[in-house]
Amino acid sequence: MSWRTVDPATPGAFPPNIQAILKRPATGAATLGQRLLEIDSEAGNARVAYDVGDHLLNRFGALHGGMTAAMMDDVMSIAAGLTLQWGEISPTLEMKVSYISMAKPGRLTGEARIVKRGRSVMFLEATLKDEAGALIATASATCSVIQNKKS
C-alpha cells in the first residue's frame, strides 16, 4: 500500500473526488466531524477521522447506530470515489453494518477499501475504530458506477 496524507493546501494533487471534498465539503460530512487523513488511490483505500461530539450520541451517551452507519457509508464512498472520473458518481445500492462495540465521544477512524470494481458495480469493506484501536463496527457495501445527470 502507498498511503498519501491528504493535504487540503494542495487539492490538485489528488483524485477528482478528493478535490471536490476539499473544495466544497458536504454538510452531512461536517456534521459527522469528517477529517480526511490518508488515501491510497491505486489500491482504492481511504482513511478518515470522525470527531464524535454530543450531537451524535444516543440517550445512553454512546454514538447513535445511525451515525455509525453514516460514517461507514461516508468512508466507503470516499474509497469508491478514488476510481471515478469527473462526472461519475457511485451511489450505494446496499450496505450491511455490524455493530461490534459501543463508541463514546472522541475521535474515531474509518478505513475502507475497494474489494472489487467492475465496469458498473463495485464492492467495498470498511472498519471503524476508536482512538485505542478497538473495533467499533465493520461494514460492507455494493455501489453502482454511473454518469451523474445534470438536472
Protein backbone atom coordinates (compact mmCIF):
# COMPACT_ATOMS: atom_id res chain seq x y z
CA MET A 1 0.00 0.00 0.00
CA SER A 2 1.07 3.50 -0.74
CA TRP A 3 -0.80 5.80 1.65
CA ARG A 4 -0.68 9.56 0.98
CA THR A 5 -1.62 12.15 3.57
CA VAL A 6 -4.45 14.38 2.35
CA ASP A 7 -3.20 17.96 2.46
CA PRO A 8 -6.03 20.50 1.99
CA ALA A 9 -3.46 23.06 0.79
CA THR A 10 -2.77 21.02 -2.37
CA PRO A 11 -6.15 19.78 -3.65
CA GLY A 12 -4.93 19.49 -7.26
CA ALA A 13 -2.58 16.68 -6.26
CA PHE A 14 -5.49 14.34 -5.52
CA PRO A 15 -8.14 12.41 -7.45
CA PRO A 16 -11.32 14.27 -8.51
CA ASN A 17 -13.45 13.07 -5.58
CA ILE A 18 -10.91 14.31 -3.03
CA GLN A 19 -10.60 17.61 -4.88
CA ALA A 20 -14.39 18.00 -4.73
CA ILE A 21 -14.50 17.20 -0.99
CA LEU A 22 -11.74 19.72 -0.25
CA LYS A 23 -13.37 22.38 -2.44
CA ARG A 24 -16.90 22.04 -1.05
CA PRO A 25 -17.33 19.75 1.98
CA ALA A 26 -20.79 18.23 2.36
CA THR A 27 -22.82 19.42 5.34
CA GLY A 28 -23.52 15.80 6.34
CA ALA A 29 -19.79 15.09 6.46
CA ALA A 30 -19.26 18.21 8.57
CA THR A 31 -21.99 17.03 10.96
CA LEU A 32 -20.11 13.73 11.35
CA GLY A 33 -16.88 15.63 12.07
CA GLN A 34 -15.17 14.25 8.95
CA ARG A 35 -11.42 14.82 8.52
CA LEU A 36 -9.69 13.26 5.53
CA LEU A 37 -6.48 11.59 6.69
CA GLU A 38 -4.93 9.38 4.00
CA ILE A 39 -5.71 7.72 0.70
CA ASP A 40 -4.18 5.05 -1.48
CA SER A 41 -5.59 5.78 -4.92
CA GLU A 42 -4.07 2.75 -6.63
CA ALA A 43 -5.49 0.27 -4.13
CA GLY A 44 -8.76 2.17 -3.59
CA ASN A 45 -8.25 2.68 0.16
CA ALA A 46 -9.30 5.63 2.31
CA ARG A 47 -8.71 6.55 5.95
CA VAL A 48 -10.94 9.21 7.52
CA ALA A 49 -11.25 10.56 11.07
CA TYR A 50 -14.60 11.45 12.63
CA ASP A 51 -14.78 13.74 15.66
CA VAL A 52 -17.73 12.46 17.68
CA GLY A 53 -19.44 15.10 19.77
CA ASP A 54 -22.54 15.05 21.97
CA HIS A 55 -24.77 15.87 18.98
CA LEU A 56 -24.12 12.36 17.57
CA LEU A 57 -24.95 10.43 20.75
CA ASN A 58 -28.00 8.41 21.70
CA ARG A 59 -29.76 8.84 25.05
CA PHE A 60 -27.30 6.41 26.67
CA GLY A 61 -24.25 8.52 25.84
CA ALA A 62 -22.96 6.29 23.04
CA LEU A 63 -22.60 7.01 19.34
CA HIS A 64 -26.02 6.54 17.73
CA GLY A 65 -26.15 3.48 15.45
CA GLY A 66 -27.44 5.58 12.55
CA MET A 67 -24.44 7.88 12.86
CA THR A 68 -22.13 4.84 12.87
CA ALA A 69 -23.78 3.66 9.64
CA ALA A 70 -23.44 7.14 8.14
CA MET A 71 -19.71 7.15 8.93
CA MET A 72 -19.29 3.74 7.33
CA ASP A 73 -21.18 4.86 4.21
CA ASP A 74 -19.10 8.03 4.10
CA VAL A 75 -15.67 6.37 4.28
CA MET A 76 -16.69 3.69 1.74
CA SER A 77 -17.98 6.36 -0.65
CA ILE A 78 -14.61 8.12 -0.44
CA ALA A 79 -12.77 4.89 -1.26
CA ALA A 80 -15.19 4.19 -4.12
CA GLY A 81 -14.68 7.70 -5.48
CA LEU A 82 -10.93 7.19 -5.83
CA THR A 83 -11.57 5.19 -9.02
CA LEU A 84 -14.14 7.56 -10.55
CA GLN A 85 -13.65 10.10 -13.31
CA TRP A 86 -15.10 13.63 -13.29
CA GLY A 87 -18.86 13.33 -13.81
CA GLU A 88 -19.16 9.81 -12.42
CA ILE A 89 -20.86 9.02 -9.11
CA SER A 90 -21.13 5.83 -7.04
CA PRO A 91 -24.43 5.69 -5.16
CA THR A 92 -24.72 2.99 -2.51
CA LEU A 93 -27.06 0.19 -3.60
CA GLU A 94 -26.93 -1.73 -0.32
CA MET A 95 -24.93 -1.70 2.89
CA LYS A 96 -24.57 -4.01 5.89
CA VAL A 97 -23.20 -2.75 9.21
CA SER A 98 -22.13 -5.00 12.08
CA TYR A 99 -22.01 -3.17 15.41
CA ILE A 100 -19.18 -4.68 17.47
CA SER A 101 -18.86 -2.34 20.45
CA MET A 102 -20.13 0.97 21.76
CA ALA A 103 -18.35 4.21 20.83
CA LYS A 104 -18.08 7.21 23.14
CA PRO A 105 -17.29 10.84 22.24
CA GLY A 106 -13.83 11.37 20.79
CA ARG A 107 -12.03 10.62 17.55
CA LEU A 108 -12.92 7.54 15.52
CA THR A 109 -11.07 6.36 12.42
CA GLY A 110 -12.80 4.76 9.47
CA GLU A 111 -10.83 2.78 6.93
CA ALA A 112 -12.36 1.50 3.69
CA ARG A 113 -11.14 -0.48 0.73
CA ILE A 114 -12.46 -1.49 -2.64
CA VAL A 115 -12.75 -5.28 -2.70
CA LYS A 116 -13.61 -5.45 -6.41
CA ARG A 117 -14.53 -2.89 -9.04
CA GLY A 118 -16.34 -3.78 -12.21
CA ARG A 119 -17.49 -1.53 -15.02
CA SER A 120 -20.82 -0.65 -13.36
CA VAL A 121 -20.66 -2.08 -9.82
CA MET A 122 -18.12 -2.13 -7.01
CA PHE A 123 -17.87 -3.93 -3.68
CA LEU A 124 -16.34 -2.34 -0.57
CA GLU A 125 -15.50 -3.13 3.05
CA ALA A 126 -14.79 -0.85 5.99
CA THR A 127 -13.90 -0.75 9.68
CA LEU A 128 -14.45 1.90 12.33
CA LYS A 129 -12.12 2.04 15.35
CA ASP A 130 -11.75 4.24 18.41
CA GLU A 131 -8.59 6.07 19.49
CA ALA A 132 -7.33 2.99 21.34
CA GLY A 133 -7.74 0.86 18.22
CA ALA A 134 -10.80 -1.02 19.50
CA LEU A 135 -13.13 -2.17 16.72
CA ILE A 136 -16.47 -0.34 16.83
CA ALA A 137 -18.08 -1.61 13.62
CA THR A 138 -17.50 -3.30 10.29
CA ALA A 139 -19.42 -2.78 7.07
CA SER A 140 -19.71 -3.96 3.50
CA ALA A 141 -21.44 -2.27 0.60
CA THR A 142 -22.29 -2.53 -3.06
CA CYS A 143 -22.17 0.67 -5.11
CA SER A 144 -23.21 1.46 -8.65
CA VAL A 145 -20.95 3.39 -11.04
CA ILE A 146 -22.93 5.83 -13.17
CA GLN A 147 -22.64 9.13 -15.02
CA ASN A 148 -24.13 11.96 -12.97
CA LYS A 149 -27.06 13.51 -14.83
CA LYS A 150 -27.35 17.27 -14.97
CA SER A 151 -30.79 18.47 -13.89
